[in-house]
Amino acid sequence: MSDSKQMSQQEVASEFTSYYLQRATKEFAEDLDKVRTADDFKNDAIHLLVNALQQGTALFSPEEQRRIVESGAERK
């Protein structure tokens, strides 16, 4: 990371979750649109859908999350 300040694990997790959700929604955009426009989709299901997508972050160890976040910061 180019910044001399080391990010806390909580900061890394927050940044990684944001990054992961952006990538997931981009990758699954067509499928998410189909779900969102389905006749039986209710607005209160959005929270459930976001939580389901966030569960994917658990597949990455804290070290992997830090590496991904820091590599993204270096590209800026």
N, C-alpha and C. Protein backbone atom coordinates (compact mmCIF):
# COMPACT_ATOMS: atom_id res chain seq x y z
N MET A 1 0.84 -1.18 0.00
CA MET A 1 0.00 0.00 0.00
C MET A 1 0.88 1.23 0.00
N SER A 2 0.55 2.21 -0.79
CA SER A 2 1.39 3.39 -0.89
C SER A 2 1.27 4.29 0.33
N ASP A 3 0.15 4.23 1.04
CA ASP A 3 -0.05 5.02 2.26
C ASP A 3 0.71 4.37 3.40
N SER A 4 1.40 5.20 4.21
CA SER A 4 2.20 4.65 5.30
C SER A 4 1.33 4.13 6.44
N LYS A 5 0.07 4.54 6.50
CA LYS A 5 -0.84 4.09 7.55
C LYS A 5 -1.36 2.69 7.21
N GLN A 6 -1.22 1.79 8.14
CA GLN A 6 -1.73 0.43 7.96
C GLN A 6 -3.22 0.41 8.30
N MET A 7 -4.03 -0.14 7.42
CA MET A 7 -5.47 -0.22 7.66
C MET A 7 -5.76 -1.28 8.71
N SER A 8 -6.74 -1.01 9.57
CA SER A 8 -7.16 -2.02 10.55
C SER A 8 -7.91 -3.13 9.81
N GLN A 9 -8.05 -4.27 10.44
CA GLN A 9 -8.76 -5.38 9.79
C GLN A 9 -10.22 -5.00 9.55
N GLN A 10 -10.80 -4.21 10.44
CA GLN A 10 -12.18 -3.77 10.26
C GLN A 10 -12.29 -2.87 9.02
N GLU A 11 -11.33 -1.98 8.83
CA GLU A 11 -11.33 -1.12 7.64
C GLU A 11 -11.15 -1.95 6.37
N VAL A 12 -10.25 -2.93 6.44
CA VAL A 12 -10.03 -3.81 5.29
C VAL A 12 -11.31 -4.58 4.96
N ALA A 13 -11.95 -5.14 5.98
CA ALA A 13 -13.18 -5.91 5.77
C ALA A 13 -14.27 -5.04 5.15
N SER A 14 -14.39 -3.81 5.62
CA SER A 14 -15.40 -2.89 5.08
C SER A 14 -15.10 -2.56 3.61
N GLU A 15 -13.85 -2.23 3.32
CA GLU A 15 -13.45 -1.92 1.94
C GLU A 15 -13.64 -3.14 1.04
N PHE A 16 -13.27 -4.31 1.55
CA PHE A 16 -13.39 -5.53 0.75
C PHE A 16 -14.87 -5.84 0.46
N THR A 17 -15.72 -5.69 1.46
CA THR A 17 -17.15 -5.94 1.27
C THR A 17 -17.71 -5.03 0.20
N SER A 18 -17.34 -3.77 0.24
CA SER A 18 -17.79 -2.81 -0.77
C SER A 18 -17.31 -3.24 -2.16
N TYR A 19 -16.04 -3.57 -2.26
CA TYR A 19 -15.46 -4.02 -3.53
C TYR A 19 -16.16 -5.29 -4.03
N TYR A 20 -16.34 -6.24 -3.12
CA TYR A 20 -16.95 -7.52 -3.48
C TYR A 20 -18.38 -7.33 -3.98
N LEU A 21 -19.16 -6.49 -3.30
CA LEU A 21 -20.54 -6.26 -3.72
C LEU A 21 -20.59 -5.56 -5.07
N GLN A 22 -19.68 -4.63 -5.31
CA GLN A 22 -19.64 -3.97 -6.62
C GLN A 22 -19.36 -4.99 -7.72
N ARG A 23 -18.38 -5.85 -7.48
CA ARG A 23 -18.03 -6.87 -8.48
C ARG A 23 -19.16 -7.87 -8.67
N ALA A 24 -19.76 -8.32 -7.57
CA ALA A 24 -20.83 -9.32 -7.66
C ALA A 24 -22.05 -8.77 -8.39
N THR A 25 -22.43 -7.53 -8.09
CA THR A 25 -23.60 -6.96 -8.76
C THR A 25 -23.32 -6.70 -10.24
N LYS A 26 -22.08 -6.38 -10.56
CA LYS A 26 -21.73 -6.21 -11.98
C LYS A 26 -21.77 -7.56 -12.69
N GLU A 27 -21.19 -8.57 -12.07
CA GLU A 27 -21.13 -9.90 -12.68
C GLU A 27 -22.51 -10.54 -12.83
N PHE A 28 -23.38 -10.33 -11.84
CA PHE A 28 -24.70 -10.95 -11.85
C PHE A 28 -25.81 -9.97 -12.22
N ALA A 29 -25.47 -8.90 -12.93
CA ALA A 29 -26.43 -7.83 -13.24
C ALA A 29 -27.70 -8.35 -13.92
N GLU A 30 -27.55 -9.18 -14.92
CA GLU A 30 -28.73 -9.69 -15.63
C GLU A 30 -29.61 -10.53 -14.73
N ASP A 31 -28.98 -11.41 -13.95
CA ASP A 31 -29.75 -12.25 -13.04
C ASP A 31 -30.44 -11.42 -11.96
N LEU A 32 -29.74 -10.43 -11.43
CA LEU A 32 -30.33 -9.57 -10.41
C LEU A 32 -31.51 -8.76 -10.97
N ASP A 33 -31.39 -8.33 -12.21
CA ASP A 33 -32.50 -7.62 -12.84
C ASP A 33 -33.72 -8.53 -12.99
N LYS A 34 -33.48 -9.78 -13.34
CA LYS A 34 -34.60 -10.73 -13.47
C LYS A 34 -35.28 -10.95 -12.12
N VAL A 35 -34.49 -11.09 -11.08
CA VAL A 35 -35.05 -11.27 -9.74
C VAL A 35 -35.83 -10.02 -9.34
N ARG A 36 -35.22 -8.86 -9.54
CA ARG A 36 -35.82 -7.59 -9.12
C ARG A 36 -37.13 -7.30 -9.85
N THR A 37 -37.25 -7.71 -11.11
CA THR A 37 -38.46 -7.43 -11.88
C THR A 37 -39.47 -8.56 -11.84
N ALA A 38 -39.19 -9.62 -11.09
CA ALA A 38 -40.14 -10.72 -10.98
C ALA A 38 -41.41 -10.24 -10.27
N ASP A 39 -42.53 -10.82 -10.66
CA ASP A 39 -43.82 -10.42 -10.10
C ASP A 39 -43.89 -10.61 -8.59
N ASP A 40 -43.22 -11.62 -8.09
CA ASP A 40 -43.31 -11.91 -6.65
C ASP A 40 -42.19 -11.27 -5.82
N PHE A 41 -41.39 -10.41 -6.42
CA PHE A 41 -40.31 -9.74 -5.69
C PHE A 41 -40.87 -8.55 -4.94
N LYS A 42 -40.59 -8.50 -3.65
CA LYS A 42 -41.04 -7.40 -2.80
C LYS A 42 -39.83 -6.55 -2.41
N ASN A 43 -40.04 -5.26 -2.23
CA ASN A 43 -38.95 -4.35 -1.88
C ASN A 43 -38.24 -4.73 -0.59
N ASP A 44 -38.96 -5.34 0.35
CA ASP A 44 -38.31 -5.73 1.61
C ASP A 44 -37.35 -6.90 1.41
N ALA A 45 -37.35 -7.51 0.24
CA ALA A 45 -36.43 -8.61 -0.05
C ALA A 45 -35.04 -8.11 -0.44
N ILE A 46 -34.91 -6.82 -0.71
CA ILE A 46 -33.61 -6.26 -1.09
C ILE A 46 -32.58 -6.50 0.00
N HIS A 47 -32.99 -6.27 1.25
CA HIS A 47 -32.08 -6.48 2.38
C HIS A 47 -31.59 -7.93 2.43
N LEU A 48 -32.50 -8.86 2.22
CA LEU A 48 -32.15 -10.28 2.21
C LEU A 48 -31.20 -10.59 1.06
N LEU A 49 -31.44 -10.01 -0.09
CA LEU A 49 -30.59 -10.24 -1.26
C LEU A 49 -29.18 -9.70 -1.03
N VAL A 50 -29.08 -8.50 -0.47
CA VAL A 50 -27.77 -7.91 -0.17
C VAL A 50 -27.02 -8.77 0.85
N ASN A 51 -27.72 -9.22 1.88
CA ASN A 51 -27.08 -10.09 2.88
C ASN A 51 -26.59 -11.38 2.26
N ALA A 52 -27.37 -11.94 1.36
CA ALA A 52 -26.96 -13.17 0.68
C ALA A 52 -25.69 -12.94 -0.14
N LEU A 53 -25.64 -11.83 -0.85
CA LEU A 53 -24.43 -11.52 -1.63
C LEU A 53 -23.23 -11.28 -0.72
N GLN A 54 -23.44 -10.63 0.41
CA GLN A 54 -22.34 -10.35 1.35
C GLN A 54 -21.73 -11.63 1.92
N GLN A 55 -22.51 -12.69 1.98
CA GLN A 55 -21.99 -13.95 2.53
C GLN A 55 -20.80 -14.47 1.73
N GLY A 56 -20.71 -14.07 0.48
CA GLY A 56 -19.59 -14.50 -0.36
C GLY A 56 -18.25 -14.00 0.14
N THR A 57 -18.25 -12.92 0.92
CA THR A 57 -16.98 -12.40 1.44
C THR A 57 -16.33 -13.38 2.40
N ALA A 58 -17.12 -14.26 3.00
CA ALA A 58 -16.59 -15.23 3.97
C ALA A 58 -15.68 -16.26 3.29
N LEU A 59 -15.73 -16.33 1.98
CA LEU A 59 -14.87 -17.27 1.25
C LEU A 59 -13.42 -16.81 1.21
N PHE A 60 -13.18 -15.56 1.58
CA PHE A 60 -11.84 -14.98 1.52
C PHE A 60 -11.29 -14.78 2.92
N SER A 61 -10.08 -15.23 3.13
CA SER A 61 -9.43 -15.06 4.44
C SER A 61 -9.12 -13.59 4.66
N PRO A 62 -8.89 -13.19 5.91
CA PRO A 62 -8.50 -11.80 6.18
C PRO A 62 -7.24 -11.39 5.39
N GLU A 63 -6.32 -12.31 5.22
CA GLU A 63 -5.10 -12.00 4.47
C GLU A 63 -5.40 -11.77 2.99
N GLU A 64 -6.30 -12.60 2.43
CA GLU A 64 -6.68 -12.41 1.03
C GLU A 64 -7.43 -11.09 0.84
N GLN A 65 -8.31 -10.78 1.79
CA GLN A 65 -9.04 -9.52 1.71
C GLN A 65 -8.08 -8.34 1.73
N ARG A 66 -7.10 -8.37 2.64
CA ARG A 66 -6.12 -7.28 2.75
C ARG A 66 -5.33 -7.15 1.45
N ARG A 67 -4.89 -8.27 0.90
CA ARG A 67 -4.11 -8.24 -0.34
C ARG A 67 -4.92 -7.61 -1.48
N ILE A 68 -6.18 -7.98 -1.59
CA ILE A 68 -7.04 -7.45 -2.65
C ILE A 68 -7.29 -5.96 -2.45
N VAL A 69 -7.60 -5.56 -1.22
CA VAL A 69 -7.85 -4.14 -0.94
C VAL A 69 -6.60 -3.31 -1.19
N GLU A 70 -5.48 -3.79 -0.70
CA GLU A 70 -4.25 -3.03 -0.87
C GLU A 70 -3.80 -2.96 -2.32
N SER A 71 -4.01 -4.02 -3.08
CA SER A 71 -3.64 -3.96 -4.49
C SER A 71 -4.53 -2.99 -5.24
N GLY A 72 -5.77 -2.87 -4.84
CA GLY A 72 -6.67 -1.88 -5.45
C GLY A 72 -6.27 -0.47 -5.11
N ALA A 73 -5.79 -0.25 -3.88
CA ALA A 73 -5.36 1.09 -3.46
C ALA A 73 -4.11 1.52 -4.22
N GLU A 74 -3.24 0.57 -4.54
CA GLU A 74 -2.02 0.89 -5.27
C GLU A 74 -2.31 1.30 -6.71
N ARG A 75 -3.41 0.81 -7.26
CA ARG A 75 -3.77 1.12 -8.65
C ARG A 75 -4.37 2.51 -8.79
N LYS A 76 -4.83 3.09 -7.72
CA LYS A 76 -5.48 4.42 -7.78
C LYS A 76 -4.49 5.51 -8.05
